[in-house]
Amino acid sequence: MAAEGGRVSCVYERAMDLSEFKRSLAKAKPPAGLSPALVAMWWAGKDQWDKAHGIVMDEASKDCAWVHAYLHRVEGDLSNARYWYRQAGRPVASEPLKAEWDTIAEMLLAAQPRSPD
């Protein structure tokens, strides 16, 4: 919040888009303020399966279950992936893994709350 001439206004950043999220993969750490599911997707985007999996296996959200399903699909463990897709309430994916990563990241980014300035 910022005070301007006696008024208090809320200023919000716009949400990060998929292009910005992908560019952030060049950095050493994920951007601040991301949900656990997005942090896991960030590590998955850097081919850090163990880090990504370690995040989602301790979370109970449907978003994390969706990322968990994706990670087991990456691993080739389709029976485990099917279980996690059910937990997420999502159909089992059949698109290429890269396309699924984009879909999940884009949807999670769109749902990410905007942070105050």
PDB file of N, CA and C in Angstrom:
ATOM      1  N   MET A   1       0.833  -1.177   0.000  1.00  0.00           N
ATOM      2  CA  MET A   1       0.000   0.000   0.000  1.00  0.00           C
ATOM      3  C   MET A   1       0.874   1.234   0.000  1.00  0.00           C
ATOM      4  N   ALA A   2       0.416   2.248  -0.677  1.00  0.00           N
ATOM      5  CA  ALA A   2       1.159   3.505  -0.731  1.00  0.00           C
ATOM      6  C   ALA A   2       0.217   4.655  -0.446  1.00  0.00           C
ATOM      7  N   ALA A   3       0.687   5.637   0.308  1.00  0.00           N
ATOM      8  CA  ALA A   3      -0.118   6.829   0.596  1.00  0.00           C
ATOM      9  C   ALA A   3       0.208   7.873  -0.454  1.00  0.00           C
ATOM     10  N   GLU A   4      -0.827   8.373  -1.095  1.00  0.00           N
ATOM     11  CA  GLU A   4      -0.647   9.391  -2.123  1.00  0.00           C
ATOM     12  C   GLU A   4      -1.597  10.537  -1.830  1.00  0.00           C
ATOM     13  N   GLY A   5      -1.068  11.692  -1.390  1.00  0.00           N
ATOM     14  CA  GLY A   5      -1.901  12.866  -1.156  1.00  0.00           C
ATOM     15  C   GLY A   5      -3.046  12.596  -0.209  1.00  0.00           C
ATOM     16  N   GLY A   6      -2.784  11.867   0.864  1.00  0.00           N
ATOM     17  CA  GLY A   6      -3.826  11.567   1.830  1.00  0.00           C
ATOM     18  C   GLY A   6      -4.654  10.332   1.503  1.00  0.00           C
ATOM     19  N   ARG A   7      -4.505   9.803   0.292  1.00  0.00           N
ATOM     20  CA  ARG A   7      -5.234   8.588  -0.092  1.00  0.00           C
ATOM     21  C   ARG A   7      -4.324   7.384   0.099  1.00  0.00           C
ATOM     22  N   VAL A   8      -4.919   6.277   0.371  1.00  0.00           N
ATOM     23  CA  VAL A   8      -4.160   5.029   0.445  1.00  0.00           C
ATOM     24  C   VAL A   8      -4.585   4.206  -0.754  1.00  0.00           C
ATOM     25  N   SER A   9      -3.607   3.796  -1.522  1.00  0.00           N
ATOM     26  CA  SER A   9      -3.937   2.985  -2.688  1.00  0.00           C
ATOM     27  C   SER A   9      -3.158   1.679  -2.625  1.00  0.00           C
ATOM     28  N   CYS A  10      -3.750   0.662  -3.160  1.00  0.00           N
ATOM     29  CA  CYS A  10      -3.076  -0.635  -3.251  1.00  0.00           C
ATOM     30  C   CYS A  10      -2.488  -0.745  -4.653  1.00  0.00           C
ATOM     31  N   VAL A  11      -1.241  -1.084  -4.726  1.00  0.00           N
ATOM     32  CA  VAL A  11      -0.578  -1.267  -6.007  1.00  0.00           C
ATOM     33  C   VAL A  11      -0.181  -2.732  -6.090  1.00  0.00           C
ATOM     34  N   TYR A  12      -0.602  -3.395  -7.155  1.00  0.00           N
ATOM     35  CA  TYR A  12      -0.289  -4.809  -7.316  1.00  0.00           C
ATOM     36  C   TYR A  12       0.539  -5.016  -8.564  1.00  0.00           C
ATOM     37  N   GLU A  13       1.511  -5.890  -8.447  1.00  0.00           N
ATOM     38  CA  GLU A  13       2.284  -6.297  -9.613  1.00  0.00           C
ATOM     39  C   GLU A  13       1.399  -7.199 -10.456  1.00  0.00           C
ATOM     40  N   ARG A  14       1.669  -7.213 -11.733  1.00  0.00           N
ATOM     41  CA  ARG A  14       0.951  -8.176 -12.559  1.00  0.00           C
ATOM     42  C   ARG A  14       1.547  -9.555 -12.309  1.00  0.00           C
ATOM     43  N   ALA A  15       0.762 -10.558 -12.577  1.00  0.00           N
ATOM     44  CA  ALA A  15       1.225 -11.926 -12.361  1.00  0.00           C
ATOM     45  C   ALA A  15       2.337 -12.256 -13.362  1.00  0.00           C
ATOM     46  N   MET A  16       3.247 -13.119 -12.955  1.00  0.00           N
ATOM     47  CA  MET A  16       4.309 -13.588 -13.847  1.00  0.00           C
ATOM     48  C   MET A  16       3.674 -14.440 -14.940  1.00  0.00           C
ATOM     49  N   ASP A  17       4.139 -14.271 -16.172  1.00  0.00           N
ATOM     50  CA  ASP A  17       3.614 -15.113 -17.250  1.00  0.00           C
ATOM     51  C   ASP A  17       4.596 -16.252 -17.545  1.00  0.00           C
ATOM     52  N   LEU A  18       4.199 -17.129 -18.440  1.00  0.00           N
ATOM     53  CA  LEU A  18       4.997 -18.322 -18.725  1.00  0.00           C
ATOM     54  C   LEU A  18       6.377 -17.960 -19.276  1.00  0.00           C
ATOM     55  N   SER A  19       6.452 -16.946 -20.127  1.00  0.00           N
ATOM     56  CA  SER A  19       7.758 -16.545 -20.678  1.00  0.00           C
ATOM     57  C   SER A  19       8.702 -16.081 -19.583  1.00  0.00           C
ATOM     58  N   GLU A  20       8.193 -15.283 -18.663  1.00  0.00           N
ATOM     59  CA  GLU A  20       9.018 -14.811 -17.549  1.00  0.00           C
ATOM     60  C   GLU A  20       9.440 -15.975 -16.652  1.00  0.00           C
ATOM     61  N   PHE A  21       8.502 -16.894 -16.415  1.00  0.00           N
ATOM     62  CA  PHE A  21       8.798 -18.066 -15.598  1.00  0.00           C
ATOM     63  C   PHE A  21       9.924 -18.874 -16.232  1.00  0.00           C
ATOM     64  N   LYS A  22       9.834 -19.082 -17.542  1.00  0.00           N
ATOM     65  CA  LYS A  22      10.879 -19.833 -18.246  1.00  0.00           C
ATOM     66  C   LYS A  22      12.218 -19.101 -18.187  1.00  0.00           C
ATOM     67  N   ARG A  23      12.204 -17.781 -18.346  1.00  0.00           N
ATOM     68  CA  ARG A  23      13.457 -17.011 -18.262  1.00  0.00           C
ATOM     69  C   ARG A  23      14.075 -17.116 -16.870  1.00  0.00           C
ATOM     70  N   SER A  24      13.237 -17.231 -15.850  1.00  0.00           N
ATOM     71  CA  SER A  24      13.751 -17.318 -14.477  1.00  0.00           C
ATOM     72  C   SER A  24      14.535 -18.602 -14.240  1.00  0.00           C
ATOM     73  N   LEU A  25      14.368 -19.592 -15.118  1.00  0.00           N
ATOM     74  CA  LEU A  25      15.093 -20.856 -14.972  1.00  0.00           C
ATOM     75  C   LEU A  25      16.606 -20.669 -15.115  1.00  0.00           C
ATOM     76  N   ALA A  26      17.030 -19.555 -15.669  1.00  0.00           N
ATOM     77  CA  ALA A  26      18.463 -19.273 -15.811  1.00  0.00           C
ATOM     78  C   ALA A  26      19.087 -18.862 -14.480  1.00  0.00           C
ATOM     79  N   LYS A  27      18.259 -18.540 -13.512  1.00  0.00           N
ATOM     80  CA  LYS A  27      18.767 -18.102 -12.205  1.00  0.00           C
ATOM     81  C   LYS A  27      19.046 -19.306 -11.312  1.00  0.00           C
ATOM     82  N   ALA A  28      19.736 -19.053 -10.210  1.00  0.00           N
ATOM     83  CA  ALA A  28      20.111 -20.128  -9.284  1.00  0.00           C
ATOM     84  C   ALA A  28      18.971 -20.549  -8.366  1.00  0.00           C
ATOM     85  N   LYS A  29      18.038 -19.617  -8.103  1.00  0.00           N
ATOM     86  CA  LYS A  29      16.933 -19.908  -7.181  1.00  0.00           C
ATOM     87  C   LYS A  29      15.620 -19.492  -7.822  1.00  0.00           C
ATOM     88  N   PRO A  30      14.529 -20.147  -7.438  1.00  0.00           N
ATOM     89  CA  PRO A  30      13.226 -19.755  -7.990  1.00  0.00           C
ATOM     90  C   PRO A  30      12.822 -18.364  -7.510  1.00  0.00           C
ATOM     91  N   PRO A  31      11.973 -17.686  -8.273  1.00  0.00           N
ATOM     92  CA  PRO A  31      11.498 -16.375  -7.843  1.00  0.00           C
ATOM     93  C   PRO A  31      10.776 -16.472  -6.497  1.00  0.00           C
ATOM     94  N   ALA A  32      10.883 -15.430  -5.713  1.00  0.00           N
ATOM     95  CA  ALA A  32      10.207 -15.393  -4.405  1.00  0.00           C
ATOM     96  C   ALA A  32       8.698 -15.339  -4.602  1.00  0.00           C
ATOM     97  N   GLY A  33       7.988 -15.879  -3.631  1.00  0.00           N
ATOM     98  CA  GLY A  33       6.537 -15.759  -3.605  1.00  0.00           C
ATOM     99  C   GLY A  33       5.761 -16.783  -4.403  1.00  0.00           C
ATOM    100  N   LEU A  34       6.440 -17.761  -4.979  1.00  0.00           N
ATOM    101  CA  LEU A  34       5.733 -18.787  -5.754  1.00  0.00           C
ATOM    102  C   LEU A  34       5.105 -19.814  -4.819  1.00  0.00           C
ATOM    103  N   SER A  35       4.009 -20.390  -5.250  1.00  0.00           N
ATOM    104  CA  SER A  35       3.386 -21.479  -4.506  1.00  0.00           C
ATOM    105  C   SER A  35       4.322 -22.695  -4.520  1.00  0.00           C
ATOM    106  N   PRO A  36       4.142 -23.627  -3.576  1.00  0.00           N
ATOM    107  CA  PRO A  36       4.977 -24.843  -3.606  1.00  0.00           C
ATOM    108  C   PRO A  36       4.899 -25.596  -4.936  1.00  0.00           C
ATOM    109  N   ALA A  37       3.718 -25.656  -5.529  1.00  0.00           N
ATOM    110  CA  ALA A  37       3.576 -26.357  -6.810  1.00  0.00           C
ATOM    111  C   ALA A  37       4.411 -25.681  -7.890  1.00  0.00           C
ATOM    112  N   LEU A  38       4.408 -24.352  -7.925  1.00  0.00           N
ATOM    113  CA  LEU A  38       5.211 -23.634  -8.918  1.00  0.00           C
ATOM    114  C   LEU A  38       6.704 -23.754  -8.639  1.00  0.00           C
ATOM    115  N   VAL A  39       7.091 -23.756  -7.375  1.00  0.00           N
ATOM    116  CA  VAL A  39       8.506 -23.957  -7.051  1.00  0.00           C
ATOM    117  C   VAL A  39       8.941 -25.337  -7.553  1.00  0.00           C
ATOM    118  N   ALA A  40       8.104 -26.340  -7.347  1.00  0.00           N
ATOM    119  CA  ALA A  40       8.421 -27.684  -7.837  1.00  0.00           C
ATOM    120  C   ALA A  40       8.512 -27.701  -9.360  1.00  0.00           C
ATOM    121  N   MET A  41       7.606 -27.012 -10.034  1.00  0.00           N
ATOM    122  CA  MET A  41       7.676 -26.942 -11.502  1.00  0.00           C
ATOM    123  C   MET A  41       8.945 -26.230 -11.949  1.00  0.00           C
ATOM    124  N   TRP A  42       9.350 -25.209 -11.189  1.00  0.00           N
ATOM    125  CA  TRP A  42      10.583 -24.486 -11.518  1.00  0.00           C
ATOM    126  C   TRP A  42      11.768 -25.445 -11.470  1.00  0.00           C
ATOM    127  N   TRP A  43      11.857 -26.229 -10.379  1.00  0.00           N
ATOM    128  CA  TRP A  43      12.963 -27.203 -10.284  1.00  0.00           C
ATOM    129  C   TRP A  43      12.850 -28.268 -11.374  1.00  0.00           C
ATOM    130  N   ALA A  44      11.628 -28.698 -11.684  1.00  0.00           N
ATOM    131  CA  ALA A  44      11.448 -29.676 -12.770  1.00  0.00           C
ATOM    132  C   ALA A  44      11.920 -29.088 -14.090  1.00  0.00           C
ATOM    133  N   GLY A  45      11.677 -27.796 -14.297  1.00  0.00           N
ATOM    134  CA  GLY A  45      12.122 -27.124 -15.516  1.00  0.00           C
ATOM    135  C   GLY A  45      13.632 -27.045 -15.620  1.00  0.00           C
ATOM    136  N   LYS A  46      14.320 -27.202 -14.499  1.00  0.00           N
ATOM    137  CA  LYS A  46      15.786 -27.221 -14.474  1.00  0.00           C
ATOM    138  C   LYS A  46      16.321 -28.658 -14.418  1.00  0.00           C
ATOM    139  N   ASP A  47      15.442 -29.626 -14.667  1.00  0.00           N
ATOM    140  CA  ASP A  47      15.798 -31.052 -14.634  1.00  0.00           C
ATOM    141  C   ASP A  47      16.314 -31.481 -13.267  1.00  0.00           C
ATOM    142  N   GLN A  48      15.751 -30.900 -12.230  1.00  0.00           N
ATOM    143  CA  GLN A  48      16.099 -31.255 -10.847  1.00  0.00           C
ATOM    144  C   GLN A  48      14.921 -32.044 -10.249  1.00  0.00           C
ATOM    145  N   TRP A  49      14.722 -33.266 -10.744  1.00  0.00           N
ATOM    146  CA  TRP A  49      13.582 -34.087 -10.370  1.00  0.00           C
ATOM    147  C   TRP A  49      13.509 -34.284  -8.858  1.00  0.00           C
ATOM    148  N   ASP A  50      14.633 -34.620  -8.227  1.00  0.00           N
ATOM    149  CA  ASP A  50      14.616 -34.901  -6.782  1.00  0.00           C
ATOM    150  C   ASP A  50      14.167 -33.685  -5.967  1.00  0.00           C
ATOM    151  N   LYS A  51      14.650 -32.502  -6.324  1.00  0.00           N
ATOM    152  CA  LYS A  51      14.232 -31.296  -5.601  1.00  0.00           C
ATOM    153  C   LYS A  51      12.735 -31.054  -5.799  1.00  0.00           C
ATOM    154  N   ALA A  52      12.275 -31.188  -7.033  1.00  0.00           N
ATOM    155  CA  ALA A  52      10.856 -30.979  -7.325  1.00  0.00           C
ATOM    156  C   ALA A  52       9.995 -31.993  -6.570  1.00  0.00           C
ATOM    157  N   HIS A  53      10.391 -33.242  -6.601  1.00  0.00           N
ATOM    158  CA  HIS A  53       9.629 -34.299  -5.945  1.00  0.00           C
ATOM    159  C   HIS A  53       9.607 -34.099  -4.427  1.00  0.00           C
ATOM    160  N   GLY A  54      10.732 -33.686  -3.872  1.00  0.00           N
ATOM    161  CA  GLY A  54      10.798 -33.443  -2.430  1.00  0.00           C
ATOM    162  C   GLY A  54       9.815 -32.386  -1.965  1.00  0.00           C
ATOM    163  N   ILE A  55       9.528 -31.423  -2.818  1.00  0.00           N
ATOM    164  CA  ILE A  55       8.559 -30.374  -2.468  1.00  0.00           C
ATOM    165  C   ILE A  55       7.137 -30.920  -2.503  1.00  0.00           C
ATOM    166  N   VAL A  56       6.760 -31.575  -3.595  1.00  0.00           N
ATOM    167  CA  VAL A  56       5.358 -31.980  -3.747  1.00  0.00           C
ATOM    168  C   VAL A  56       4.971 -33.169  -2.880  1.00  0.00           C
ATOM    169  N   MET A  57       5.926 -34.001  -2.504  1.00  0.00           N
ATOM    170  CA  MET A  57       5.528 -35.169  -1.717  1.00  0.00           C
ATOM    171  C   MET A  57       5.125 -34.804  -0.296  1.00  0.00           C
ATOM    172  N   ASP A  58       5.460 -33.606   0.155  1.00  0.00           N
ATOM    173  CA  ASP A  58       5.078 -33.157   1.496  1.00  0.00           C
ATOM    174  C   ASP A  58       3.899 -32.188   1.486  1.00  0.00           C
ATOM    175  N   GLU A  59       3.284 -31.982   0.333  1.00  0.00           N
ATOM    176  CA  GLU A  59       2.165 -31.044   0.211  1.00  0.00           C
ATOM    177  C   GLU A  59       0.884 -31.806  -0.108  1.00  0.00           C
ATOM    178  N   ALA A  60      -0.240 -31.269   0.349  1.00  0.00           N
ATOM    179  CA  ALA A  60      -1.512 -31.966   0.173  1.00  0.00           C
ATOM    180  C   ALA A  60      -2.433 -31.324  -0.867  1.00  0.00           C
ATOM    181  N   SER A  61      -2.018 -30.238  -1.504  1.00  0.00           N
ATOM    182  CA  SER A  61      -2.911 -29.540  -2.432  1.00  0.00           C
ATOM    183  C   SER A  61      -3.095 -30.319  -3.731  1.00  0.00           C
ATOM    184  N   LYS A  62      -4.206 -30.050  -4.405  1.00  0.00           N
ATOM    185  CA  LYS A  62      -4.458 -30.661  -5.710  1.00  0.00           C
ATOM    186  C   LYS A  62      -3.428 -30.198  -6.737  1.00  0.00           C
ATOM    187  N   ASP A  63      -2.973 -28.945  -6.608  1.00  0.00           N
ATOM    188  CA  ASP A  63      -1.938 -28.454  -7.527  1.00  0.00           C
ATOM    189  C   ASP A  63      -0.652 -29.261  -7.370  1.00  0.00           C
ATOM    190  N   CYS A  64      -0.264 -29.515  -6.129  1.00  0.00           N
ATOM    191  CA  CYS A  64       0.947 -30.309  -5.901  1.00  0.00           C
ATOM    192  C   CYS A  64       0.749 -31.750  -6.357  1.00  0.00           C
ATOM    193  N   ALA A  65      -0.457 -32.280  -6.205  1.00  0.00           N
ATOM    194  CA  ALA A  65      -0.733 -33.633  -6.701  1.00  0.00           C
ATOM    195  C   ALA A  65      -0.581 -33.679  -8.222  1.00  0.00           C
ATOM    196  N   TRP A  66      -1.000 -32.618  -8.907  1.00  0.00           N
ATOM    197  CA  TRP A  66      -0.866 -32.547 -10.367  1.00  0.00           C
ATOM    198  C   TRP A  66       0.606 -32.539 -10.762  1.00  0.00           C
ATOM    199  N   VAL A  67       1.403 -31.717 -10.083  1.00  0.00           N
ATOM    200  CA  VAL A  67       2.841 -31.680 -10.359  1.00  0.00           C
ATOM    201  C   VAL A  67       3.461 -33.031 -10.026  1.00  0.00           C
ATOM    202  N   HIS A  68       3.019 -33.644  -8.930  1.00  0.00           N
ATOM    203  CA  HIS A  68       3.521 -34.962  -8.522  1.00  0.00           C
ATOM    204  C   HIS A  68       3.254 -35.982  -9.638  1.00  0.00           C
ATOM    205  N   ALA A  69       2.051 -35.935 -10.211  1.00  0.00           N
ATOM    206  CA  ALA A  69       1.705 -36.837 -11.319  1.00  0.00           C
ATOM    207  C   ALA A  69       2.647 -36.624 -12.494  1.00  0.00           C
ATOM    208  N   TYR A  70       2.850 -35.368 -12.843  1.00  0.00           N
ATOM    209  CA  TYR A  70       3.746 -35.031 -13.946  1.00  0.00           C
ATOM    210  C   TYR A  70       5.152 -35.593 -13.694  1.00  0.00           C
ATOM    211  N   LEU A  71       5.643 -35.406 -12.474  1.00  0.00           N
ATOM    212  CA  LEU A  71       6.997 -35.872 -12.150  1.00  0.00           C
ATOM    213  C   LEU A  71       7.117 -37.385 -12.287  1.00  0.00           C
ATOM    214  N   HIS A  72       6.095 -38.126 -11.868  1.00  0.00           N
ATOM    215  CA  HIS A  72       6.164 -39.583 -12.016  1.00  0.00           C
ATOM    216  C   HIS A  72       6.032 -39.989 -13.473  1.00  0.00           C
ATOM    217  N   ARG A  73       5.333 -39.188 -14.265  1.00  0.00           N
ATOM    218  CA  ARG A  73       5.290 -39.436 -15.702  1.00  0.00           C
ATOM    219  C   ARG A  73       6.677 -39.216 -16.308  1.00  0.00           C
ATOM    220  N   VAL A  74       7.361 -38.151 -15.880  1.00  0.00           N
ATOM    221  CA  VAL A  74       8.734 -37.896 -16.345  1.00  0.00           C
ATOM    222  C   VAL A  74       9.626 -39.080 -16.012  1.00  0.00           C
ATOM    223  N   GLU A  75       9.443 -39.611 -14.818  1.00  0.00           N
ATOM    224  CA  GLU A  75      10.241 -40.729 -14.328  1.00  0.00           C
ATOM    225  C   GLU A  75       9.929 -42.034 -15.078  1.00  0.00           C
ATOM    226  N   GLY A  76       8.764 -42.070 -15.714  1.00  0.00           N
ATOM    227  CA  GLY A  76       8.339 -43.285 -16.404  1.00  0.00           C
ATOM    228  C   GLY A  76       7.515 -44.214 -15.538  1.00  0.00           C
ATOM    229  N   ASP A  77       7.153 -43.776 -14.342  1.00  0.00           N
ATOM    230  CA  ASP A  77       6.344 -44.569 -13.406  1.00  0.00           C
ATOM    231  C   ASP A  77       4.872 -44.219 -13.623  1.00  0.00           C
ATOM    232  N   LEU A  78       4.296 -44.787 -14.691  1.00  0.00           N
ATOM    233  CA  LEU A  78       2.950 -44.401 -15.103  1.00  0.00           C
ATOM    234  C   LEU A  78       1.863 -44.838 -14.134  1.00  0.00           C
ATOM    235  N   SER A  79       2.055 -45.941 -13.444  1.00  0.00           N
ATOM    236  CA  SER A  79       1.037 -46.366 -12.494  1.00  0.00           C
ATOM    237  C   SER A  79       0.982 -45.390 -11.319  1.00  0.00           C
ATOM    238  N   ASN A  80       2.119 -44.948 -10.836  1.00  0.00           N
ATOM    239  CA  ASN A  80       2.166 -43.949  -9.768  1.00  0.00           C
ATOM    240  C   ASN A  80       1.626 -42.613 -10.284  1.00  0.00           C
ATOM    241  N   ALA A  81       1.969 -42.247 -11.502  1.00  0.00           N
ATOM    242  CA  ALA A  81       1.459 -41.013 -12.104  1.00  0.00           C
ATOM    243  C   ALA A  81      -0.070 -41.034 -12.147  1.00  0.00           C
ATOM    244  N   ARG A  82      -0.661 -42.171 -12.571  1.00  0.00           N
ATOM    245  CA  ARG A  82      -2.132 -42.263 -12.631  1.00  0.00           C
ATOM    246  C   ARG A  82      -2.759 -42.017 -11.268  1.00  0.00           C
ATOM    247  N   TYR A  83      -2.144 -42.572 -10.222  1.00  0.00           N
ATOM    248  CA  TYR A  83      -2.632 -42.342  -8.860  1.00  0.00           C
ATOM    249  C   TYR A  83      -2.656 -40.846  -8.552  1.00  0.00           C
ATOM    250  N   TRP A  84      -1.577 -40.129  -8.858  1.00  0.00           N
ATOM    251  CA  TRP A  84      -1.489 -38.705  -8.533  1.00  0.00           C
ATOM    252  C   TRP A  84      -2.396 -37.859  -9.413  1.00  0.00           C
ATOM    253  N   TYR A  85      -2.620 -38.257 -10.662  1.00  0.00           N
ATOM    254  CA  TYR A  85      -3.609 -37.544 -11.481  1.00  0.00           C
ATOM    255  C   TYR A  85      -4.992 -37.671 -10.837  1.00  0.00           C
ATOM    256  N   ARG A  86      -5.314 -38.855 -10.328  1.00  0.00           N
ATOM    257  CA  ARG A  86      -6.618 -39.024  -9.632  1.00  0.00           C
ATOM    258  C   ARG A  86      -6.690 -38.121  -8.411  1.00  0.00           C
ATOM    259  N   GLN A  87      -5.612 -38.062  -7.623  1.00  0.00           N
ATOM    260  CA  GLN A  87      -5.590 -37.204  -6.437  1.00  0.00           C
ATOM    261  C   GLN A  87      -5.777 -35.733  -6.820  1.00  0.00           C
ATOM    262  N   ALA A  88      -5.262 -35.352  -7.975  1.00  0.00           N
ATOM    263  CA  ALA A  88      -5.364 -33.970  -8.445  1.00  0.00           C
ATOM    264  C   ALA A  88      -6.719 -33.674  -9.093  1.00  0.00           C
ATOM    265  N   GLY A  89      -7.493 -34.737  -9.367  1.00  0.00           N
ATOM    266  CA  GLY A  89      -8.758 -34.548 -10.066  1.00  0.00           C
ATOM    267  C   GLY A  89      -8.547 -34.173 -11.527  1.00  0.00           C
ATOM    268  N   ARG A  90      -7.482 -34.668 -12.112  1.00  0.00           N
ATOM    269  CA  ARG A  90      -7.109 -34.348 -13.499  1.00  0.00           C
ATOM    270  C   ARG A  90      -7.069 -35.615 -14.330  1.00  0.00           C
ATOM    271  N   PRO A  91      -7.355 -35.493 -15.620  1.00  0.00           N
ATOM    272  CA  PRO A  91      -7.201 -36.670 -16.489  1.00  0.00           C
ATOM    273  C   PRO A  91      -5.723 -36.999 -16.663  1.00  0.00           C
ATOM    274  N   VAL A  92      -5.448 -38.256 -16.907  1.00  0.00           N
ATOM    275  CA  VAL A  92      -4.067 -38.679 -17.160  1.00  0.00           C
ATOM    276  C   VAL A  92      -3.609 -38.027 -18.465  1.00  0.00           C
ATOM    277  N   ALA A  93      -2.473 -37.374 -18.409  1.00  0.00           N
ATOM    278  CA  ALA A  93      -1.958 -36.649 -19.579  1.00  0.00           C
ATOM    279  C   ALA A  93      -1.413 -37.609 -20.616  1.00  0.00           C
ATOM    280  N   SER A  94      -1.566 -37.234 -21.872  1.00  0.00           N
ATOM    281  CA  SER A  94      -0.988 -38.027 -22.952  1.00  0.00           C
ATOM    282  C   SER A  94      -0.162 -37.147 -23.892  1.00  0.00           C
ATOM    283  N   GLU A  95      -0.174 -35.848 -23.641  1.00  0.00           N
ATOM    284  CA  GLU A  95       0.602 -34.930 -24.485  1.00  0.00           C
ATOM    285  C   GLU A  95       2.097 -35.087 -24.182  1.00  0.00           C
ATOM    286  N   PRO A  96       2.949 -34.590 -25.058  1.00  0.00           N
ATOM    287  CA  PRO A  96       4.388 -34.661 -24.775  1.00  0.00           C
ATOM    288  C   PRO A  96       4.709 -33.974 -23.437  1.00  0.00           C
ATOM    289  N   LEU A  97       5.726 -34.465 -22.759  1.00  0.00           N
ATOM    290  CA  LEU A  97       6.081 -33.943 -21.434  1.00  0.00           C
ATOM    291  C   LEU A  97       6.336 -32.440 -21.446  1.00  0.00           C
ATOM    292  N   LYS A  98       7.020 -31.943 -22.461  1.00  0.00           N
ATOM    293  CA  LYS A  98       7.314 -30.508 -22.551  1.00  0.00           C
ATOM    294  C   LYS A  98       6.018 -29.696 -22.624  1.00  0.00           C
ATOM    295  N   ALA A  99       5.071 -30.180 -23.399  1.00  0.00           N
ATOM    296  CA  ALA A  99       3.780 -29.491 -23.516  1.00  0.00           C
ATOM    297  C   ALA A  99       3.021 -29.542 -22.190  1.00  0.00           C
ATOM    298  N   GLU A 100       3.102 -30.676 -21.492  1.00  0.00           N
ATOM    299  CA  GLU A 100       2.430 -30.769 -20.200  1.00  0.00           C
ATOM    300  C   GLU A 100       3.076 -29.817 -19.189  1.00  0.00           C
ATOM    301  N   TRP A 101       4.405 -29.715 -19.185  1.00  0.00           N
ATOM    302  CA  TRP A 101       5.080 -28.780 -18.284  1.00  0.00           C
ATOM    303  C   TRP A 101       4.567 -27.367 -18.540  1.00  0.00           C
ATOM    304  N   ASP A 102       4.489 -26.980 -19.824  1.00  0.00           N
ATOM    305  CA  ASP A 102       3.980 -25.650 -20.172  1.00  0.00           C
ATOM    306  C   ASP A 102       2.546 -25.458 -19.684  1.00  0.00           C
ATOM    307  N   THR A 103       1.698 -26.445 -19.903  1.00  0.00           N
ATOM    308  CA  THR A 103       0.294 -26.351 -19.496  1.00  0.00           C
ATOM    309  C   THR A 103       0.168 -26.183 -17.992  1.00  0.00           C
ATOM    310  N   ILE A 104       0.856 -27.030 -17.242  1.00  0.00           N
ATOM    311  CA  ILE A 104       0.769 -26.952 -15.778  1.00  0.00           C
ATOM    312  C   ILE A 104       1.311 -25.619 -15.293  1.00  0.00           C
ATOM    313  N   ALA A 105       2.487 -25.231 -15.757  1.00  0.00           N
ATOM    314  CA  ALA A 105       3.092 -23.967 -15.306  1.00  0.00           C
ATOM    315  C   ALA A 105       2.181 -22.789 -15.636  1.00  0.00           C
ATOM    316  N   GLU A 106       1.643 -22.763 -16.839  1.00  0.00           N
ATOM    317  CA  GLU A 106       0.785 -21.642 -17.243  1.00  0.00           C
ATOM    318  C   GLU A 106      -0.481 -21.567 -16.387  1.00  0.00           C
ATOM    319  N   MET A 107      -1.090 -22.694 -16.126  1.00  0.00           N
ATOM    320  CA  MET A 107      -2.307 -22.699 -15.309  1.00  0.00           C
ATOM    321  C   MET A 107      -2.012 -22.313 -13.859  1.00  0.00           C
ATOM    322  N   LEU A 108      -0.921 -22.805 -13.314  1.00  0.00           N
ATOM    323  CA  LEU A 108      -0.559 -22.452 -11.939  1.00  0.00           C
ATOM    324  C   LEU A 108      -0.180 -20.974 -11.833  1.00  0.00           C
ATOM    325  N   LEU A 109       0.501 -20.451 -12.828  1.00  0.00           N
ATOM    326  CA  LEU A 109       0.847 -19.029 -12.830  1.00  0.00           C
ATOM    327  C   LEU A 109      -0.408 -18.167 -12.885  1.00  0.00           C
ATOM    328  N   ALA A 110      -1.381 -18.567 -13.686  1.00  0.00           N
ATOM    329  CA  ALA A 110      -2.626 -17.800 -13.800  1.00  0.00           C
ATOM    330  C   ALA A 110      -3.389 -17.776 -12.484  1.00  0.00           C
ATOM    331  N   ALA A 111      -3.240 -18.827 -11.686  1.00  0.00           N
ATOM    332  CA  ALA A 111      -3.946 -18.915 -10.396  1.00  0.00           C
ATOM    333  C   ALA A 111      -3.153 -18.310  -9.251  1.00  0.00           C
ATOM    334  N   GLN A 112      -1.880 -17.978  -9.506  1.00  0.00           N
ATOM    335  CA  GLN A 112      -0.999 -17.448  -8.461  1.00  0.00           C
ATOM    336  C   GLN A 112      -1.504 -16.069  -8.032  1.00  0.00           C
ATOM    337  N   PRO A 113      -1.694 -15.864  -6.717  1.00  0.00           N
ATOM    338  CA  PRO A 113      -2.108 -14.531  -6.267  1.00  0.00           C
ATOM    339  C   PRO A 113      -1.036 -13.496  -6.595  1.00  0.00           C
ATOM    340  N   ARG A 114      -1.477 -12.324  -6.929  1.00  0.00           N
ATOM    341  CA  ARG A 114      -0.530 -11.231  -7.183  1.00  0.00           C
ATOM    342  C   ARG A 114      -0.031 -10.706  -5.855  1.00  0.00           C
ATOM    343  N   SER A 115       1.238 -10.391  -5.829  1.00  0.00           N
ATOM    344  CA  SER A 115       1.828  -9.913  -4.583  1.00  0.00           C
ATOM    345  C   SER A 115       1.785  -8.389  -4.514  1.00  0.00           C
ATOM    346  N   PRO A 116       1.563  -7.820  -3.321  1.00  0.00           N
ATOM    347  CA  PRO A 116       1.565  -6.371  -3.202  1.00  0.00           C
ATOM    348  C   PRO A 116       2.955  -5.803  -3.412  1.00  0.00           C
ATOM    349  N   ASP A 117       3.023  -4.592  -3.926  1.00  0.00           N
ATOM    350  CA  ASP A 117       4.308  -3.904  -4.128  1.00  0.00           C
ATOM    351  C   ASP A 117       4.957  -3.572  -2.821  1.00  0.00           C
TER     352      ASP A 117
END
